[in-house]
Amino acid sequence: MLLALLALSSALAGCAGIGFGIGVPLVPGVSIGVGVGGGGVNVGVGAGAGPFGVGVGVNQRGQVSGGVGVGASVPMGGARVGAGVGVGTVLHDPQRDRREPVYGP
Protein backbone atom coordinates (compact mmCIF):
# COMPACT_ATOMS: atom_id res chain seq x y z
CA MET A 1 0.00 0.00 0.00
CA LEU A 2 2.72 2.44 0.91
CA LEU A 3 4.46 1.65 -2.34
CA ALA A 4 1.38 2.69 -4.27
CA LEU A 5 1.30 5.92 -2.33
CA LEU A 6 4.97 6.50 -3.06
CA ALA A 7 4.33 5.98 -6.76
CA LEU A 8 1.38 8.33 -6.53
CA SER A 9 3.40 10.96 -4.70
CA SER A 10 6.14 10.70 -7.29
CA ALA A 11 3.65 11.05 -10.10
CA LEU A 12 1.97 13.98 -8.50
CA ALA A 13 5.23 15.70 -7.81
CA GLY A 14 6.07 15.57 -11.52
CA CYS A 15 9.01 14.08 -13.30
CA ALA A 16 11.54 16.29 -11.56
CA GLY A 17 10.56 16.61 -7.93
CA ILE A 18 10.01 15.02 -4.57
CA GLY A 19 6.69 14.24 -3.00
CA PHE A 20 5.57 13.09 0.43
CA GLY A 21 2.27 11.57 1.36
CA ILE A 22 0.19 9.39 3.62
CA GLY A 23 -2.17 6.64 2.56
CA VAL A 24 -5.06 4.77 4.09
CA PRO A 25 -5.65 1.19 2.92
CA LEU A 26 -9.10 0.51 1.48
CA VAL A 27 -8.62 -3.15 0.57
CA PRO A 28 -5.43 -5.20 0.24
CA GLY A 29 -3.26 -3.58 -2.42
CA VAL A 30 -5.35 -0.40 -2.81
CA SER A 31 -5.15 2.83 -0.81
CA ILE A 32 -6.31 6.43 -0.93
CA GLY A 33 -3.85 9.12 -0.08
CA VAL A 34 -3.00 12.76 0.35
CA GLY A 35 0.37 14.02 -0.83
CA VAL A 36 2.39 17.19 -1.22
CA GLY A 37 4.82 17.65 -4.08
CA GLY A 38 5.82 19.96 -6.91
CA GLY A 39 2.19 20.18 -8.01
CA GLY A 40 0.98 21.27 -4.57
CA VAL A 41 -1.52 19.33 -2.49
CA ASN A 42 -2.86 16.20 -4.15
CA VAL A 43 -5.38 13.45 -3.46
CA GLY A 44 -5.54 10.16 -5.23
CA VAL A 45 -5.78 6.41 -5.27
CA GLY A 46 -2.93 3.96 -5.64
CA ALA A 47 -2.47 0.24 -6.08
CA GLY A 48 0.57 -1.88 -5.43
CA ALA A 49 1.83 -5.42 -5.61
CA GLY A 50 5.22 -6.33 -4.24
CA PRO A 51 7.68 -3.51 -4.89
CA PHE A 52 5.64 -2.04 -7.78
CA GLY A 53 2.89 0.56 -7.63
CA VAL A 54 0.66 2.73 -9.81
CA GLY A 55 -1.44 5.72 -8.93
CA VAL A 56 -3.78 8.41 -10.20
CA GLY A 57 -4.45 11.69 -8.45
CA VAL A 58 -5.67 15.26 -8.82
CA ASN A 59 -4.14 18.48 -7.47
CA GLN A 60 -5.78 21.74 -6.36
CA ARG A 61 -5.53 23.14 -9.92
CA GLY A 62 -7.54 20.23 -11.29
CA GLN A 63 -4.62 18.54 -13.03
CA VAL A 64 -5.02 14.77 -13.18
CA SER A 65 -1.73 12.87 -13.06
CA GLY A 66 -0.78 9.22 -13.30
CA GLY A 67 2.39 7.44 -12.40
CA VAL A 68 4.25 4.22 -11.78
CA GLY A 69 7.02 3.47 -9.34
CA VAL A 70 9.05 0.98 -7.40
CA GLY A 71 10.05 1.12 -3.76
CA ALA A 72 10.42 -0.60 -0.42
CA SER A 73 9.04 -0.11 3.06
CA VAL A 74 9.67 -1.42 6.57
CA PRO A 75 7.40 -1.68 9.59
CA MET A 76 7.88 1.11 12.12
CA GLY A 77 5.56 1.11 15.09
CA GLY A 78 2.01 0.61 13.84
CA ALA A 79 2.76 1.91 10.34
CA ARG A 80 5.12 1.29 7.44
CA VAL A 81 7.78 3.78 6.33
CA GLY A 82 9.47 3.58 2.96
CA ALA A 83 10.95 5.23 -0.07
CA GLY A 84 10.60 4.77 -3.78
CA VAL A 85 11.22 6.24 -7.18
CA GLY A 86 8.83 6.65 -10.06
CA VAL A 87 7.78 8.56 -13.11
CA GLY A 88 4.58 10.40 -13.80
CA THR A 89 2.78 12.51 -16.31
CA VAL A 90 -0.15 14.90 -16.47
CA LEU A 91 -3.10 13.10 -18.02
CA HIS A 92 -5.49 16.07 -18.02
CA ASP A 93 -4.85 19.79 -17.49
CA PRO A 94 -8.00 21.96 -17.40
CA GLN A 95 -5.91 25.10 -18.01
CA ARG A 96 -4.51 23.67 -21.23
CA ASP A 97 -7.98 22.58 -22.35
CA ARG A 98 -9.31 26.16 -22.01
CA ARG A 99 -6.92 27.58 -24.57
CA GLU A 100 -8.32 28.37 -27.96
CA PRO A 101 -7.85 25.65 -30.56
CA VAL A 102 -5.07 26.05 -33.08
CA TYR A 103 -6.38 26.05 -36.64
CA GLY A 104 -4.24 24.80 -39.49
CA PRO A 105 -3.47 26.76 -42.69
C-alpha atoms as a PDB file:
ATOM      1  CA  MET A   1       0.000   0.000   0.000  1.00  0.00           C
ATOM      2  CA  LEU A   2       2.718   2.436   0.909  1.00  0.00           C
ATOM      3  CA  LEU A   3       4.458   1.651  -2.339  1.00  0.00           C
ATOM      4  CA  ALA A   4       1.377   2.685  -4.270  1.00  0.00           C
ATOM      5  CA  LEU A   5       1.305   5.925  -2.327  1.00  0.00           C
ATOM      6  CA  LEU A   6       4.972   6.505  -3.062  1.00  0.00           C
ATOM      7  CA  ALA A   7       4.326   5.984  -6.756  1.00  0.00           C
ATOM      8  CA  LEU A   8       1.376   8.334  -6.526  1.00  0.00           C
ATOM      9  CA  SER A   9       3.403  10.956  -4.696  1.00  0.00           C
ATOM     10  CA  SER A  10       6.137  10.702  -7.290  1.00  0.00           C
ATOM     11  CA  ALA A  11       3.654  11.045 -10.096  1.00  0.00           C
ATOM     12  CA  LEU A  12       1.972  13.981  -8.497  1.00  0.00           C
ATOM     13  CA  ALA A  13       5.229  15.705  -7.809  1.00  0.00           C
ATOM     14  CA  GLY A  14       6.067  15.572 -11.516  1.00  0.00           C
ATOM     15  CA  CYS A  15       9.007  14.076 -13.303  1.00  0.00           C
ATOM     16  CA  ALA A  16      11.537  16.295 -11.557  1.00  0.00           C
ATOM     17  CA  GLY A  17      10.561  16.610  -7.934  1.00  0.00           C
ATOM     18  CA  ILE A  18      10.014  15.018  -4.573  1.00  0.00           C
ATOM     19  CA  GLY A  19       6.686  14.240  -2.999  1.00  0.00           C
ATOM     20  CA  PHE A  20       5.569  13.087   0.429  1.00  0.00           C
ATOM     21  CA  GLY A  21       2.266  11.565   1.362  1.00  0.00           C
ATOM     22  CA  ILE A  22       0.194   9.391   3.621  1.00  0.00           C
ATOM     23  CA  GLY A  23      -2.172   6.644   2.564  1.00  0.00           C
ATOM     24  CA  VAL A  24      -5.059   4.765   4.094  1.00  0.00           C
ATOM     25  CA  PRO A  25      -5.646   1.188   2.925  1.00  0.00           C
ATOM     26  CA  LEU A  26      -9.096   0.507   1.475  1.00  0.00           C
ATOM     27  CA  VAL A  27      -8.624  -3.152   0.566  1.00  0.00           C
ATOM     28  CA  PRO A  28      -5.432  -5.200   0.245  1.00  0.00           C
ATOM     29  CA  GLY A  29      -3.255  -3.577  -2.419  1.00  0.00           C
ATOM     30  CA  VAL A  30      -5.354  -0.400  -2.808  1.00  0.00           C
ATOM     31  CA  SER A  31      -5.150   2.833  -0.815  1.00  0.00           C
ATOM     32  CA  ILE A  32      -6.315   6.426  -0.926  1.00  0.00           C
ATOM     33  CA  GLY A  33      -3.854   9.120  -0.082  1.00  0.00           C
ATOM     34  CA  VAL A  34      -2.997  12.757   0.351  1.00  0.00           C
ATOM     35  CA  GLY A  35       0.371  14.017  -0.827  1.00  0.00           C
ATOM     36  CA  VAL A  36       2.387  17.191  -1.222  1.00  0.00           C
ATOM     37  CA  GLY A  37       4.824  17.654  -4.082  1.00  0.00           C
ATOM     38  CA  GLY A  38       5.820  19.957  -6.905  1.00  0.00           C
ATOM     39  CA  GLY A  39       2.187  20.181  -8.015  1.00  0.00           C
ATOM     40  CA  GLY A  40       0.980  21.270  -4.572  1.00  0.00           C
ATOM     41  CA  VAL A  41      -1.516  19.334  -2.487  1.00  0.00           C
ATOM     42  CA  ASN A  42      -2.857  16.196  -4.146  1.00  0.00           C
ATOM     43  CA  VAL A  43      -5.379  13.455  -3.456  1.00  0.00           C
ATOM     44  CA  GLY A  44      -5.539  10.157  -5.229  1.00  0.00           C
ATOM     45  CA  VAL A  45      -5.777   6.410  -5.272  1.00  0.00           C
ATOM     46  CA  GLY A  46      -2.932   3.955  -5.643  1.00  0.00           C
ATOM     47  CA  ALA A  47      -2.471   0.235  -6.079  1.00  0.00           C
ATOM     48  CA  GLY A  48       0.571  -1.878  -5.429  1.00  0.00           C
ATOM     49  CA  ALA A  49       1.828  -5.417  -5.615  1.00  0.00           C
ATOM     50  CA  GLY A  50       5.216  -6.327  -4.236  1.00  0.00           C
ATOM     51  CA  PRO A  51       7.678  -3.514  -4.886  1.00  0.00           C
ATOM     52  CA  PHE A  52       5.635  -2.041  -7.780  1.00  0.00           C
ATOM     53  CA  GLY A  53       2.889   0.563  -7.632  1.00  0.00           C
ATOM     54  CA  VAL A  54       0.660   2.728  -9.805  1.00  0.00           C
ATOM     55  CA  GLY A  55      -1.439   5.722  -8.929  1.00  0.00           C
ATOM     56  CA  VAL A  56      -3.776   8.412 -10.203  1.00  0.00           C
ATOM     57  CA  GLY A  57      -4.453  11.693  -8.449  1.00  0.00           C
ATOM     58  CA  VAL A  58      -5.675  15.259  -8.819  1.00  0.00           C
ATOM     59  CA  ASN A  59      -4.144  18.478  -7.471  1.00  0.00           C
ATOM     60  CA  GLN A  60      -5.783  21.739  -6.364  1.00  0.00           C
ATOM     61  CA  ARG A  61      -5.527  23.142  -9.923  1.00  0.00           C
ATOM     62  CA  GLY A  62      -7.542  20.235 -11.293  1.00  0.00           C
ATOM     63  CA  GLN A  63      -4.618  18.543 -13.026  1.00  0.00           C
ATOM     64  CA  VAL A  64      -5.016  14.767 -13.181  1.00  0.00           C
ATOM     65  CA  SER A  65      -1.735  12.865 -13.062  1.00  0.00           C
ATOM     66  CA  GLY A  66      -0.781   9.221 -13.303  1.00  0.00           C
ATOM     67  CA  GLY A  67       2.394   7.444 -12.403  1.00  0.00           C
ATOM     68  CA  VAL A  68       4.247   4.222 -11.781  1.00  0.00           C
ATOM     69  CA  GLY A  69       7.018   3.470  -9.344  1.00  0.00           C
ATOM     70  CA  VAL A  70       9.048   0.980  -7.397  1.00  0.00           C
ATOM     71  CA  GLY A  71      10.050   1.123  -3.761  1.00  0.00           C
ATOM     72  CA  ALA A  72      10.422  -0.597  -0.422  1.00  0.00           C
ATOM     73  CA  SER A  73       9.043  -0.113   3.063  1.00  0.00           C
ATOM     74  CA  VAL A  74       9.671  -1.416   6.568  1.00  0.00           C
ATOM     75  CA  PRO A  75       7.404  -1.676   9.594  1.00  0.00           C
ATOM     76  CA  MET A  76       7.878   1.113  12.121  1.00  0.00           C
ATOM     77  CA  GLY A  77       5.562   1.105  15.094  1.00  0.00           C
ATOM     78  CA  GLY A  78       2.011   0.609  13.845  1.00  0.00           C
ATOM     79  CA  ALA A  79       2.764   1.907  10.341  1.00  0.00           C
ATOM     80  CA  ARG A  80       5.124   1.295   7.445  1.00  0.00           C
ATOM     81  CA  VAL A  81       7.775   3.776   6.335  1.00  0.00           C
ATOM     82  CA  GLY A  82       9.466   3.581   2.963  1.00  0.00           C
ATOM     83  CA  ALA A  83      10.953   5.235  -0.067  1.00  0.00           C
ATOM     84  CA  GLY A  84      10.598   4.771  -3.782  1.00  0.00           C
ATOM     85  CA  VAL A  85      11.217   6.242  -7.183  1.00  0.00           C
ATOM     86  CA  GLY A  86       8.826   6.649 -10.056  1.00  0.00           C
ATOM     87  CA  VAL A  87       7.782   8.559 -13.113  1.00  0.00           C
ATOM     88  CA  GLY A  88       4.579  10.398 -13.797  1.00  0.00           C
ATOM     89  CA  THR A  89       2.779  12.510 -16.312  1.00  0.00           C
ATOM     90  CA  VAL A  90      -0.148  14.905 -16.468  1.00  0.00           C
ATOM     91  CA  LEU A  91      -3.104  13.099 -18.018  1.00  0.00           C
ATOM     92  CA  HIS A  92      -5.493  16.072 -18.020  1.00  0.00           C
ATOM     93  CA  ASP A  93      -4.853  19.787 -17.487  1.00  0.00           C
ATOM     94  CA  PRO A  94      -7.997  21.960 -17.404  1.00  0.00           C
ATOM     95  CA  GLN A  95      -5.910  25.102 -18.010  1.00  0.00           C
ATOM     96  CA  ARG A  96      -4.508  23.669 -21.233  1.00  0.00           C
ATOM     97  CA  ASP A  97      -7.976  22.579 -22.354  1.00  0.00           C
ATOM     98  CA  ARG A  98      -9.315  26.163 -22.006  1.00  0.00           C
ATOM     99  CA  ARG A  99      -6.919  27.585 -24.569  1.00  0.00           C
ATOM    100  CA  GLU A 100      -8.317  28.372 -27.965  1.00  0.00           C
ATOM    101  CA  PRO A 101      -7.848  25.654 -30.557  1.00  0.00           C
ATOM    102  CA  VAL A 102      -5.074  26.055 -33.081  1.00  0.00           C
ATOM    103  CA  TYR A 103      -6.385  26.047 -36.640  1.00  0.00           C
ATOM    104  CA  GLY A 104      -4.235  24.801 -39.492  1.00  0.00           C
ATOM    105  CA  PRO A 105      -3.472  26.765 -42.692  1.00  0.00           C
END
